[in-house]
Amino acid sequence: MDVEFNQAMRSIYDQARSEANYHATYFLSMLAEHGSLATARKLLHAPAVSDGFAALWERGRLDLTVEALVVQPRFVDLFTPAEIEVAQHRLGQFGYR
């Protein structure tokens, strides 16, 4: 499942670049330095949404956020209930689903 999550994290970066013209260079460096799970947890434990989340919201592409991945049924087992709740809350605050 970690391999699938790694692929999904890389995929949202690629899609944000190609479909939303958003180049998440800091996100990419976080992935390289910390790995996918640690990057996701770091973003979820931050007190506010990331600049990337805000940029994707402005582009109408919250589907390409880490939070949107975290709440997918195939990945929920990788995260704590509190982390999932943070992701759901942030997405809900910004009108996603």
Protein backbone atom coordinates (compact mmCIF):
# COMPACT_ATOMS: atom_id res chain seq x y z
CA MET A 1 0.00 0.00 0.00
CA ASP A 2 2.92 2.32 0.65
CA VAL A 3 4.05 1.85 -2.96
CA GLU A 4 0.58 2.76 -4.19
CA PHE A 5 0.53 5.84 -1.94
CA ASN A 6 3.98 6.88 -3.20
CA GLN A 7 2.72 6.62 -6.76
CA ALA A 8 -0.42 8.59 -5.92
CA MET A 9 1.58 11.37 -4.27
CA ARG A 10 3.85 11.65 -7.30
CA SER A 11 0.80 11.55 -9.56
CA ILE A 12 -0.88 14.53 -7.86
CA TYR A 13 2.33 16.50 -8.32
CA ASP A 14 2.47 15.59 -12.02
CA GLN A 15 -1.23 16.35 -12.54
CA ALA A 16 -1.01 19.68 -10.72
CA ARG A 17 1.86 20.66 -13.02
CA SER A 18 0.28 19.48 -16.26
CA GLU A 19 -3.42 20.15 -15.63
CA ALA A 20 -3.44 23.12 -13.24
CA ASN A 21 -0.16 24.81 -14.18
CA TYR A 22 0.97 24.56 -10.57
CA HIS A 23 4.61 23.67 -10.01
CA ALA A 24 4.82 22.38 -6.45
CA THR A 25 8.59 22.45 -6.14
CA TYR A 26 8.58 22.53 -2.31
CA PHE A 27 6.20 19.54 -2.25
CA LEU A 28 8.53 17.66 -4.59
CA SER A 29 11.54 18.39 -2.39
CA MET A 30 9.58 17.24 0.68
CA LEU A 31 8.79 13.97 -1.09
CA ALA A 32 12.45 13.46 -1.94
CA GLU A 33 13.64 14.30 1.56
CA HIS A 34 10.96 12.71 3.76
CA GLY A 35 9.03 10.24 1.60
CA SER A 36 5.31 10.22 0.87
CA LEU A 37 3.85 9.22 4.23
CA ALA A 38 6.02 11.57 6.27
CA THR A 39 5.26 14.42 3.86
CA ALA A 40 1.52 13.80 4.13
CA ARG A 41 1.68 13.65 7.92
CA LYS A 42 3.78 16.80 8.11
CA LEU A 43 1.23 18.69 6.01
CA LEU A 44 -1.69 17.31 8.05
CA HIS A 45 -0.07 18.31 11.35
CA ALA A 46 0.58 21.89 10.19
CA PRO A 47 -1.69 24.44 11.87
CA ALA A 48 -3.12 25.68 8.56
CA VAL A 49 -3.50 24.55 4.98
CA SER A 50 -0.35 24.62 2.89
CA ASP A 51 0.38 27.18 0.19
CA GLY A 52 -0.07 24.33 -2.28
CA PHE A 53 -3.53 23.55 -0.94
CA ALA A 54 -4.48 27.22 -1.31
CA ALA A 55 -3.03 27.41 -4.83
CA LEU A 56 -4.93 24.30 -5.91
CA TRP A 57 -8.13 25.65 -4.32
CA GLU A 58 -7.72 28.85 -6.35
CA ARG A 59 -7.45 26.69 -9.46
CA GLY A 60 -10.50 24.61 -8.53
CA ARG A 61 -8.40 21.46 -8.13
CA LEU A 62 -8.70 20.35 -4.52
CA ASP A 63 -8.84 16.83 -5.94
CA LEU A 64 -5.06 17.16 -6.37
CA THR A 65 -4.33 17.88 -2.70
CA VAL A 66 -2.72 15.54 -0.21
CA GLU A 67 -5.89 15.87 1.87
CA ALA A 68 -7.97 14.47 -0.99
CA LEU A 69 -5.65 11.44 -1.16
CA VAL A 70 -5.74 10.85 2.59
CA VAL A 71 -9.54 10.52 2.65
CA GLN A 72 -9.64 8.00 -0.20
CA PRO A 73 -10.81 4.61 1.13
CA ARG A 74 -7.75 2.84 -0.28
CA PHE A 75 -5.42 4.98 1.85
CA VAL A 76 -7.28 5.55 5.13
CA ASP A 77 -5.49 2.64 6.82
CA LEU A 78 -2.22 4.56 6.51
CA PHE A 79 -3.46 7.41 8.71
CA THR A 80 -4.85 7.93 12.19
CA PRO A 81 -8.50 8.90 12.66
CA ALA A 82 -7.30 12.36 13.76
CA GLU A 83 -5.28 12.83 10.58
CA ILE A 84 -8.23 11.77 8.43
CA GLU A 85 -10.45 14.17 10.34
CA VAL A 86 -8.05 17.05 9.66
CA ALA A 87 -8.08 16.23 5.95
CA GLN A 88 -11.90 15.99 5.86
CA HIS A 89 -12.27 19.23 7.80
CA ARG A 90 -9.94 21.17 5.50
CA LEU A 91 -11.62 19.86 2.37
CA GLY A 92 -15.05 20.63 3.82
CA GLN A 93 -14.02 24.16 4.81
CA PHE A 94 -13.14 24.85 1.20
CA GLY A 95 -16.28 23.28 -0.23
CA TYR A 96 -14.81 20.05 -1.54
CA ARG A 97 -17.49 17.32 -1.70
